[in-house]
Amino acid sequence: MPGSAKTMAVCTVSGLVIATAYTVALGGNGWLWFLWIVLALVTAGVVATRRV
């Protein structure tokens, strides 16, 4: 996995941890989860294009 894809993957996992901690501590936030899903999709796209 190239450097940029690895960085995106780390950011995505970190975002998931932050979103989960926020939800547990303060309750759910739809925008937060929507943004995490967008980040995950962008990361999947970067990984897919780097493998080709």
PDB file of N, CA and C in Angstrom:
ATOM      1  N   MET A   1       0.855  -1.171   0.000  1.00  0.00           N
ATOM      2  CA  MET A   1       0.000   0.000   0.000  1.00  0.00           C
ATOM      3  C   MET A   1       0.900   1.233   0.000  1.00  0.00           C
ATOM      4  N   PRO A   2       0.760   2.119  -0.985  1.00  0.00           N
ATOM      5  CA  PRO A   2       1.579   3.328  -1.036  1.00  0.00           C
ATOM      6  C   PRO A   2       1.323   4.248   0.154  1.00  0.00           C
ATOM      7  N   GLY A   3       2.205   5.215   0.318  1.00  0.00           N
ATOM      8  CA  GLY A   3       2.137   6.103   1.473  1.00  0.00           C
ATOM      9  C   GLY A   3       0.834   6.866   1.602  1.00  0.00           C
ATOM     10  N   SER A   4       0.321   7.423   0.496  1.00  0.00           N
ATOM     11  CA  SER A   4      -0.902   8.216   0.598  1.00  0.00           C
ATOM     12  C   SER A   4      -2.104   7.348   0.966  1.00  0.00           C
ATOM     13  N   ALA A   5      -2.166   6.151   0.424  1.00  0.00           N
ATOM     14  CA  ALA A   5      -3.270   5.249   0.755  1.00  0.00           C
ATOM     15  C   ALA A   5      -3.181   4.806   2.214  1.00  0.00           C
ATOM     16  N   LYS A   6      -1.976   4.570   2.682  1.00  0.00           N
ATOM     17  CA  LYS A   6      -1.789   4.167   4.077  1.00  0.00           C
ATOM     18  C   LYS A   6      -2.194   5.305   5.020  1.00  0.00           C
ATOM     19  N   THR A   7      -1.843   6.527   4.656  1.00  0.00           N
ATOM     20  CA  THR A   7      -2.214   7.686   5.463  1.00  0.00           C
ATOM     21  C   THR A   7      -3.729   7.845   5.511  1.00  0.00           C
ATOM     22  N   MET A   8      -4.383   7.670   4.365  1.00  0.00           N
ATOM     23  CA  MET A   8      -5.846   7.749   4.323  1.00  0.00           C
ATOM     24  C   MET A   8      -6.479   6.663   5.192  1.00  0.00           C
ATOM     25  N   ALA A   9      -5.923   5.459   5.160  1.00  0.00           N
ATOM     26  CA  ALA A   9      -6.455   4.369   5.968  1.00  0.00           C
ATOM     27  C   ALA A   9      -6.315   4.678   7.459  1.00  0.00           C
ATOM     28  N   VAL A  10      -5.186   5.223   7.847  1.00  0.00           N
ATOM     29  CA  VAL A  10      -4.964   5.586   9.255  1.00  0.00           C
ATOM     30  C   VAL A  10      -5.944   6.680   9.675  1.00  0.00           C
ATOM     31  N   CYS A  11      -6.159   7.676   8.816  1.00  0.00           N
ATOM     32  CA  CYS A  11      -7.117   8.747   9.119  1.00  0.00           C
ATOM     33  C   CYS A  11      -8.529   8.206   9.241  1.00  0.00           C
ATOM     34  N   THR A  12      -8.883   7.253   8.393  1.00  0.00           N
ATOM     35  CA  THR A  12     -10.221   6.674   8.426  1.00  0.00           C
ATOM     36  C   THR A  12     -10.445   5.894   9.717  1.00  0.00           C
ATOM     37  N   VAL A  13      -9.475   5.094  10.094  1.00  0.00           N
ATOM     38  CA  VAL A  13      -9.606   4.324  11.343  1.00  0.00           C
ATOM     39  C   VAL A  13      -9.637   5.266  12.541  1.00  0.00           C
ATOM     40  N   SER A  14      -8.801   6.297  12.513  1.00  0.00           N
ATOM     41  CA  SER A  14      -8.808   7.286  13.598  1.00  0.00           C
ATOM     42  C   SER A  14     -10.158   7.994  13.674  1.00  0.00           C
ATOM     43  N   GLY A  15     -10.709   8.328  12.515  1.00  0.00           N
ATOM     44  CA  GLY A  15     -12.025   8.956  12.480  1.00  0.00           C
ATOM     45  C   GLY A  15     -13.099   8.065  13.051  1.00  0.00           C
ATOM     46  N   LEU A  16     -13.011   6.769  12.765  1.00  0.00           N
ATOM     47  CA  LEU A  16     -13.979   5.822  13.321  1.00  0.00           C
ATOM     48  C   LEU A  16     -13.888   5.787  14.844  1.00  0.00           C
ATOM     49  N   VAL A  17     -12.674   5.769  15.370  1.00  0.00           N
ATOM     50  CA  VAL A  17     -12.488   5.759  16.833  1.00  0.00           C
ATOM     51  C   VAL A  17     -13.052   7.038  17.445  1.00  0.00           C
ATOM     52  N   ILE A  18     -12.783   8.176  16.810  1.00  0.00           N
ATOM     53  CA  ILE A  18     -13.268   9.456  17.331  1.00  0.00           C
ATOM     54  C   ILE A  18     -14.796   9.522  17.261  1.00  0.00           C
ATOM     55  N   ALA A  19     -15.371   9.099  16.131  1.00  0.00           N
ATOM     56  CA  ALA A  19     -16.824   9.124  15.987  1.00  0.00           C
ATOM     57  C   ALA A  19     -17.496   8.213  17.011  1.00  0.00           C
ATOM     58  N   THR A  20     -16.908   7.049  17.232  1.00  0.00           N
ATOM     59  CA  THR A  20     -17.472   6.120  18.218  1.00  0.00           C
ATOM     60  C   THR A  20     -17.379   6.696  19.625  1.00  0.00           C
ATOM     61  N   ALA A  21     -16.228   7.264  19.970  1.00  0.00           N
ATOM     62  CA  ALA A  21     -16.059   7.861  21.303  1.00  0.00           C
ATOM     63  C   ALA A  21     -17.020   9.022  21.500  1.00  0.00           C
ATOM     64  N   TYR A  22     -17.201   9.843  20.482  1.00  0.00           N
ATOM     65  CA  TYR A  22     -18.129  10.973  20.566  1.00  0.00           C
ATOM     66  C   TYR A  22     -19.554  10.481  20.777  1.00  0.00           C
ATOM     67  N   THR A  23     -19.931   9.437  20.027  1.00  0.00           N
ATOM     68  CA  THR A  23     -21.281   8.892  20.143  1.00  0.00           C
ATOM     69  C   THR A  23     -21.528   8.307  21.531  1.00  0.00           C
ATOM     70  N   VAL A  24     -20.538   7.610  22.060  1.00  0.00           N
ATOM     71  CA  VAL A  24     -20.682   7.019  23.398  1.00  0.00           C
ATOM     72  C   VAL A  24     -20.773   8.112  24.458  1.00  0.00           C
ATOM     73  N   ALA A  25     -19.937   9.150  24.337  1.00  0.00           N
ATOM     74  CA  ALA A  25     -19.871  10.186  25.366  1.00  0.00           C
ATOM     75  C   ALA A  25     -21.040  11.174  25.285  1.00  0.00           C
ATOM     76  N   LEU A  26     -21.391  11.601  24.063  1.00  0.00           N
ATOM     77  CA  LEU A  26     -22.346  12.698  23.936  1.00  0.00           C
ATOM     78  C   LEU A  26     -23.610  12.350  23.160  1.00  0.00           C
ATOM     79  N   GLY A  27     -23.695  11.146  22.661  1.00  0.00           N
ATOM     80  CA  GLY A  27     -24.859  10.763  21.877  1.00  0.00           C
ATOM     81  C   GLY A  27     -24.566  10.853  20.386  1.00  0.00           C
ATOM     82  N   GLY A  28     -25.420  10.248  19.613  1.00  0.00           N
ATOM     83  CA  GLY A  28     -25.207  10.167  18.174  1.00  0.00           C
ATOM     84  C   GLY A  28     -25.300  11.509  17.469  1.00  0.00           C
ATOM     85  N   ASN A  29     -24.542  11.638  16.406  1.00  0.00           N
ATOM     86  CA  ASN A  29     -24.569  12.827  15.568  1.00  0.00           C
ATOM     87  C   ASN A  29     -24.562  12.344  14.125  1.00  0.00           C
ATOM     88  N   GLY A  30     -25.653  12.539  13.424  1.00  0.00           N
ATOM     89  CA  GLY A  30     -25.776  12.042  12.059  1.00  0.00           C
ATOM     90  C   GLY A  30     -24.737  12.602  11.114  1.00  0.00           C
ATOM     91  N   TRP A  31     -24.412  13.893  11.239  1.00  0.00           N
ATOM     92  CA  TRP A  31     -23.416  14.506  10.358  1.00  0.00           C
ATOM     93  C   TRP A  31     -22.043  13.908  10.559  1.00  0.00           C
ATOM     94  N   LEU A  32     -21.719  13.604  11.804  1.00  0.00           N
ATOM     95  CA  LEU A  32     -20.415  13.004  12.098  1.00  0.00           C
ATOM     96  C   LEU A  32     -20.280  11.651  11.410  1.00  0.00           C
ATOM     97  N   TRP A  33     -21.318  10.832  11.488  1.00  0.00           N
ATOM     98  CA  TRP A  33     -21.282   9.522  10.850  1.00  0.00           C
ATOM     99  C   TRP A  33     -21.335   9.636   9.341  1.00  0.00           C
ATOM    100  N   PHE A  34     -22.082  10.608   8.814  1.00  0.00           N
ATOM    101  CA  PHE A  34     -22.111  10.838   7.377  1.00  0.00           C
ATOM    102  C   PHE A  34     -20.717  11.205   6.872  1.00  0.00           C
ATOM    103  N   LEU A  35     -20.039  12.099   7.569  1.00  0.00           N
ATOM    104  CA  LEU A  35     -18.687  12.492   7.156  1.00  0.00           C
ATOM    105  C   LEU A  35     -17.714  11.323   7.245  1.00  0.00           C
ATOM    106  N   TRP A  36     -17.877  10.460   8.247  1.00  0.00           N
ATOM    107  CA  TRP A  36     -16.996   9.308   8.339  1.00  0.00           C
ATOM    108  C   TRP A  36     -17.234   8.348   7.176  1.00  0.00           C
ATOM    109  N   ILE A  37     -18.481   8.161   6.799  1.00  0.00           N
ATOM    110  CA  ILE A  37     -18.786   7.284   5.657  1.00  0.00           C
ATOM    111  C   ILE A  37     -18.185   7.845   4.372  1.00  0.00           C
ATOM    112  N   VAL A  38     -18.286   9.155   4.184  1.00  0.00           N
ATOM    113  CA  VAL A  38     -17.676   9.787   3.010  1.00  0.00           C
ATOM    114  C   VAL A  38     -16.164   9.568   3.026  1.00  0.00           C
ATOM    115  N   LEU A  39     -15.544   9.756   4.174  1.00  0.00           N
ATOM    116  CA  LEU A  39     -14.097   9.530   4.296  1.00  0.00           C
ATOM    117  C   LEU A  39     -13.741   8.082   3.990  1.00  0.00           C
ATOM    118  N   ALA A  40     -14.545   7.145   4.480  1.00  0.00           N
ATOM    119  CA  ALA A  40     -14.284   5.726   4.214  1.00  0.00           C
ATOM    120  C   ALA A  40     -14.409   5.413   2.724  1.00  0.00           C
ATOM    121  N   LEU A  41     -15.393   5.999   2.053  1.00  0.00           N
ATOM    122  CA  LEU A  41     -15.557   5.773   0.619  1.00  0.00           C
ATOM    123  C   LEU A  41     -14.398   6.373  -0.179  1.00  0.00           C
ATOM    124  N   VAL A  42     -13.951   7.550   0.206  1.00  0.00           N
ATOM    125  CA  VAL A  42     -12.798   8.158  -0.464  1.00  0.00           C
ATOM    126  C   VAL A  42     -11.554   7.307  -0.254  1.00  0.00           C
ATOM    127  N   THR A  43     -11.376   6.805   0.956  1.00  0.00           N
ATOM    128  CA  THR A  43     -10.238   5.938   1.238  1.00  0.00           C
ATOM    129  C   THR A  43     -10.297   4.666   0.402  1.00  0.00           C
ATOM    130  N   ALA A  44     -11.478   4.066   0.297  1.00  0.00           N
ATOM    131  CA  ALA A  44     -11.634   2.868  -0.532  1.00  0.00           C
ATOM    132  C   ALA A  44     -11.294   3.175  -1.985  1.00  0.00           C
ATOM    133  N   GLY A  45     -11.703   4.337  -2.454  1.00  0.00           N
ATOM    134  CA  GLY A  45     -11.373   4.739  -3.809  1.00  0.00           C
ATOM    135  C   GLY A  45      -9.889   4.914  -4.026  1.00  0.00           C
ATOM    136  N   VAL A  46      -9.210   5.534  -3.075  1.00  0.00           N
ATOM    137  CA  VAL A  46      -7.763   5.730  -3.178  1.00  0.00           C
ATOM    138  C   VAL A  46      -7.046   4.397  -3.177  1.00  0.00           C
ATOM    139  N   VAL A  47      -7.445   3.498  -2.291  1.00  0.00           N
ATOM    140  CA  VAL A  47      -6.818   2.172  -2.228  1.00  0.00           C
ATOM    141  C   VAL A  47      -7.059   1.416  -3.526  1.00  0.00           C
ATOM    142  N   ALA A  48      -8.274   1.496  -4.053  1.00  0.00           N
ATOM    143  CA  ALA A  48      -8.596   0.775  -5.285  1.00  0.00           C
ATOM    144  C   ALA A  48      -7.785   1.303  -6.469  1.00  0.00           C
ATOM    145  N   THR A  49      -7.614   2.614  -6.559  1.00  0.00           N
ATOM    146  CA  THR A  49      -6.871   3.171  -7.686  1.00  0.00           C
ATOM    147  C   THR A  49      -5.383   2.941  -7.540  1.00  0.00           C
ATOM    148  N   ARG A  50      -4.885   2.820  -6.336  1.00  0.00           N
ATOM    149  CA  ARG A  50      -3.453   2.576  -6.130  1.00  0.00           C
ATOM    150  C   ARG A  50      -3.074   1.137  -6.431  1.00  0.00           C
ATOM    151  N   ARG A  51      -4.032   0.213  -6.336  1.00  0.00           N
ATOM    152  CA  ARG A  51      -3.734  -1.209  -6.602  1.00  0.00           C
ATOM    153  C   ARG A  51      -3.684  -1.530  -8.079  1.00  0.00           C
ATOM    154  N   VAL A  52      -4.315  -0.694  -8.885  1.00  0.00           N
ATOM    155  CA  VAL A  52      -4.380  -0.958 -10.332  1.00  0.00           C
ATOM    156  C   VAL A  52      -3.069  -0.595 -10.990  1.00  0.00           C
TER     157      VAL A  52
END
